[in-house]
Amino acid sequence: MKRILILALCGIAAFYGCKCSNEKTSSTEPEAQEQEQAKEDTYLDAINRYMTGLGAQYAEAEYTIPYALIVKADDSDPEDIKVWGDFWVENYNLDGETLKSVSGGSHPGLMHLSKTADGYKVTGFDAVADGSDFNPTARAIFGELYDAFIALQSDDEAKAAARGKSVADYVDDNDIDASYYQDYGWPAVEIDD
C-alpha cells in the first residue's frame, strides 16, 4: 500500500509541475510561443493538451481543466513513452466566484507519447472500456500494475487532492476570479492559494 501511495504522490507531484494547455503566454509571436513551449514542455503537458481535447466530447463549458492520477511512467524510450494512469477532464462555467461543474469524466488507460523537436506529443491512447468490459481491459492494459491502478482509482482523497490542485493552478495561471469550485448537488469547495 505504501508503494501505491508513493507512486500516486509522485505522479500527482509530477503532474502539477506542468502548466495547463489553455494558459496565457506573454509573447504574441507564434514562433516565440512554439520555442517557449518546446523548451518547457513535458510529457504531462502533452497529456494535458490531449485531455483538454477530450473535454470537447462533453457538454460545452467556459473552462476545461484536466488532471491525472499517474500509476507509472516509463520514459526509457523517447519514441514510445508510456504513462499508465486515471486521466480526468472537467468542464466548468464561472458563476460569480464559483466554477460550477458542467461535465467531464475519467479516462483510465495507457498514454503513448513521443518526444519531438517541438515538444511531446500523444501518439496513442489505450483506453479502459466501460461497463462489463472494464475489468478485462484494465487487466490487459495495466498488467502487473492492475492492483495499484484499482487502489489509486478508489482513493477519493488522492482524487480530491489532484483535482483541487489542478483547479487552483488553472485559476492562478489564467487569472480567473474564482474562489470555489462545485459539483451539482454538493457543497462548494474552496480553491487553495
Protein backbone atom coordinates (compact mmCIF):
# COMPACT_ATOMS: atom_id res chain seq x y z
CA MET A 1 0.00 0.00 0.00
CA LYS A 2 2.90 2.38 0.75
CA ARG A 3 4.29 1.76 -2.75
CA ILE A 4 0.94 2.60 -4.34
CA LEU A 5 0.67 5.81 -2.32
CA ILE A 6 4.23 6.79 -3.25
CA LEU A 7 3.52 6.16 -6.94
CA ALA A 8 0.34 8.21 -6.69
CA LEU A 9 2.02 11.09 -4.92
CA CYS A 10 4.96 11.06 -7.35
CA GLY A 11 2.54 11.09 -10.28
CA ILE A 12 0.48 13.88 -8.77
CA ALA A 13 3.58 15.92 -7.91
CA ALA A 14 4.98 15.47 -11.41
CA PHE A 15 1.66 16.34 -12.97
CA TYR A 16 1.43 19.60 -11.07
CA GLY A 17 4.82 20.67 -12.28
CA CYS A 18 3.27 21.29 -15.69
CA LYS A 19 1.02 24.08 -16.84
CA CYS A 20 -2.41 23.70 -18.40
CA SER A 21 -2.70 23.93 -22.16
CA ASN A 22 -5.07 26.89 -22.01
CA GLU A 23 -2.52 29.09 -20.23
CA LYS A 24 -1.92 32.65 -21.34
CA THR A 25 1.52 33.46 -22.70
CA SER A 26 3.32 36.75 -22.51
CA SER A 27 4.51 36.69 -26.13
CA THR A 28 2.21 37.25 -29.07
CA GLU A 29 4.59 35.92 -31.72
CA PRO A 30 3.72 32.32 -32.71
CA GLU A 31 7.38 31.37 -33.24
CA ALA A 32 8.34 32.61 -29.76
CA GLN A 33 5.39 30.71 -28.25
CA GLU A 34 6.44 27.48 -30.02
CA GLN A 35 10.03 27.88 -28.81
CA GLU A 36 8.83 28.56 -25.26
CA GLN A 37 6.53 25.51 -25.39
CA ALA A 38 9.30 23.22 -26.69
CA LYS A 39 11.71 24.48 -24.03
CA GLU A 40 9.32 23.95 -21.10
CA ASP A 41 7.18 21.13 -22.48
CA THR A 42 6.90 17.87 -20.55
CA TYR A 43 5.05 14.70 -21.39
CA LEU A 44 2.50 15.71 -18.76
CA ASP A 45 1.88 18.95 -20.68
CA ALA A 46 1.12 16.82 -23.74
CA ILE A 47 -1.30 14.71 -21.70
CA ASN A 48 -2.99 17.92 -20.52
CA ARG A 49 -3.43 19.07 -24.11
CA TYR A 50 -4.80 15.69 -25.14
CA MET A 51 -7.27 15.58 -22.24
CA THR A 52 -8.36 19.15 -22.92
CA GLY A 53 -9.24 17.99 -26.43
CA LEU A 54 -11.30 15.15 -24.97
CA GLY A 55 -13.21 17.73 -22.94
CA ALA A 56 -14.95 18.74 -26.17
CA GLN A 57 -16.88 15.45 -26.19
CA TYR A 58 -18.73 16.53 -23.06
CA ALA A 59 -21.28 19.31 -22.56
CA GLU A 60 -19.71 22.62 -23.55
CA ALA A 61 -18.46 24.98 -20.85
CA GLU A 62 -16.22 28.01 -20.39
CA TYR A 63 -13.22 26.20 -18.90
CA THR A 64 -11.74 22.73 -19.36
CA ILE A 65 -9.40 21.56 -16.61
CA PRO A 66 -7.60 18.20 -16.86
CA TYR A 67 -5.85 16.29 -14.09
CA ALA A 68 -4.31 12.87 -13.70
CA LEU A 69 -3.55 10.18 -11.19
CA ILE A 70 -0.39 8.53 -12.51
CA VAL A 71 0.27 4.88 -11.68
CA LYS A 72 3.58 4.61 -13.55
CA ALA A 73 5.59 6.35 -16.24
CA ASP A 74 8.27 4.74 -18.39
CA ASP A 75 10.27 7.26 -20.42
CA SER A 76 13.15 4.91 -21.28
CA ASP A 77 12.18 5.04 -25.00
CA PRO A 78 11.66 8.65 -26.17
CA GLU A 79 9.80 7.30 -29.23
CA ASP A 80 7.26 5.47 -27.04
CA ILE A 81 6.97 7.00 -23.59
CA LYS A 82 4.31 5.10 -21.64
CA VAL A 83 2.20 6.64 -18.89
CA TRP A 84 -0.38 4.47 -17.09
CA GLY A 85 -3.00 6.34 -15.11
CA ASP A 86 -6.50 7.57 -14.49
CA PHE A 87 -6.83 10.70 -16.64
CA TRP A 88 -9.63 13.16 -15.88
CA VAL A 89 -11.16 16.14 -17.61
CA GLU A 90 -13.66 18.54 -16.02
CA ASN A 91 -15.63 21.34 -17.70
CA TYR A 92 -16.78 24.36 -15.67
CA ASN A 93 -18.75 27.57 -16.03
CA LEU A 94 -17.99 30.53 -13.79
CA ASP A 95 -20.99 31.65 -11.73
CA GLY A 96 -19.98 34.57 -9.52
CA GLU A 97 -16.87 33.34 -7.69
CA THR A 98 -17.67 29.65 -8.21
CA LEU A 99 -16.56 27.34 -11.00
CA LYS A 100 -19.58 25.09 -11.40
CA SER A 101 -19.02 21.67 -12.88
CA VAL A 102 -20.92 21.16 -16.11
CA SER A 103 -19.49 17.88 -17.38
CA GLY A 104 -16.45 15.68 -17.51
CA GLY A 105 -15.21 12.24 -16.77
CA SER A 106 -12.47 9.72 -16.16
CA HIS A 107 -10.40 8.10 -18.90
CA PRO A 108 -8.16 5.42 -17.39
CA GLY A 109 -5.59 3.73 -19.55
CA LEU A 110 -2.15 3.93 -21.11
CA MET A 111 -0.92 7.04 -22.91
CA HIS A 112 1.76 6.63 -25.56
CA LEU A 113 3.89 9.69 -26.27
CA SER A 114 6.95 10.65 -28.26
CA LYS A 115 9.46 13.43 -27.78
CA THR A 116 9.95 15.61 -30.84
CA ALA A 117 11.84 18.82 -31.58
CA ASP A 118 8.56 20.67 -30.95
CA GLY A 119 7.93 19.01 -27.58
CA TYR A 120 5.99 15.97 -26.50
CA LYS A 121 3.06 14.54 -28.46
CA VAL A 122 0.47 11.94 -27.52
CA THR A 123 0.71 9.31 -30.25
CA GLY A 124 -1.89 6.88 -28.93
CA PHE A 125 -4.15 6.06 -26.02
CA ASP A 126 -5.14 2.56 -24.91
CA ALA A 127 -8.38 3.30 -23.03
CA VAL A 128 -10.01 1.06 -20.47
CA ALA A 129 -13.52 0.18 -21.67
CA ASP A 130 -16.75 0.87 -19.78
CA GLY A 131 -19.29 -1.49 -18.24
CA SER A 132 -18.68 -5.23 -18.22
CA ASP A 133 -15.52 -4.74 -20.31
CA PHE A 134 -13.88 -2.55 -17.65
CA ASN A 135 -12.04 -5.26 -15.68
CA PRO A 136 -10.83 -7.31 -18.67
CA THR A 137 -9.47 -4.26 -20.49
CA ALA A 138 -8.00 -2.74 -17.31
CA ARG A 139 -6.19 -6.02 -16.58
CA ALA A 140 -4.87 -6.18 -20.14
CA ILE A 141 -3.69 -2.55 -20.19
CA PHE A 142 -2.30 -2.28 -16.66
CA GLY A 143 -0.96 -5.85 -16.33
CA GLU A 144 1.09 -6.14 -13.14
CA LEU A 145 0.04 -2.56 -12.29
CA TYR A 146 -3.65 -3.52 -12.13
CA ASP A 147 -3.87 -3.69 -8.32
CA ALA A 148 -2.06 -0.35 -8.00
CA PHE A 149 -4.44 1.17 -10.56
CA ILE A 150 -7.55 -0.10 -8.74
CA ALA A 151 -6.23 1.14 -5.39
CA LEU A 152 -5.43 4.56 -6.84
CA GLN A 153 -8.73 4.83 -8.68
CA SER A 154 -10.54 4.05 -5.43
CA ASP A 155 -8.59 6.65 -3.44
CA ASP A 156 -11.10 9.51 -3.10
CA GLU A 157 -8.64 11.61 -1.10
CA ALA A 158 -5.98 11.40 -3.82
CA LYS A 159 -8.56 12.29 -6.49
CA ALA A 160 -9.82 15.27 -4.46
CA ALA A 161 -6.28 16.49 -3.85
CA ALA A 162 -5.32 16.15 -7.53
CA ARG A 163 -8.47 17.88 -8.69
CA GLY A 164 -8.16 20.69 -6.14
CA LYS A 165 -4.55 21.34 -7.09
CA SER A 166 -5.29 21.35 -10.82
CA VAL A 167 -8.20 23.78 -10.36
CA ALA A 168 -6.06 26.08 -8.18
CA ASP A 169 -3.19 26.04 -10.69
CA TYR A 170 -5.53 26.64 -13.62
CA VAL A 171 -7.28 29.56 -11.90
CA ASP A 172 -3.92 31.09 -10.97
CA ASP A 173 -2.31 30.53 -14.39
CA ASN A 174 -5.30 32.01 -16.24
CA ASP A 175 -6.17 34.87 -13.83
CA ILE A 176 -9.72 33.63 -13.26
CA ASP A 177 -11.63 35.39 -10.48
CA ALA A 178 -12.84 32.22 -8.75
CA SER A 179 -12.66 31.24 -5.10
CA TYR A 180 -14.62 27.96 -5.22
CA TYR A 181 -15.46 25.00 -7.45
CA GLN A 182 -18.61 22.93 -7.11
CA ASP A 183 -20.26 19.77 -8.38
CA TYR A 184 -24.03 19.78 -8.83
CA GLY A 185 -25.76 18.88 -5.55
CA TRP A 186 -22.56 19.15 -3.50
CA PRO A 187 -21.19 21.97 -1.34
CA ALA A 188 -18.72 24.33 -2.95
CA VAL A 189 -15.03 23.61 -2.28
CA GLU A 190 -12.69 26.48 -1.57
CA ILE A 191 -9.83 26.85 -4.04
CA ASP A 192 -6.49 26.82 -2.22
CA ASP A 193 -4.00 29.60 -2.85
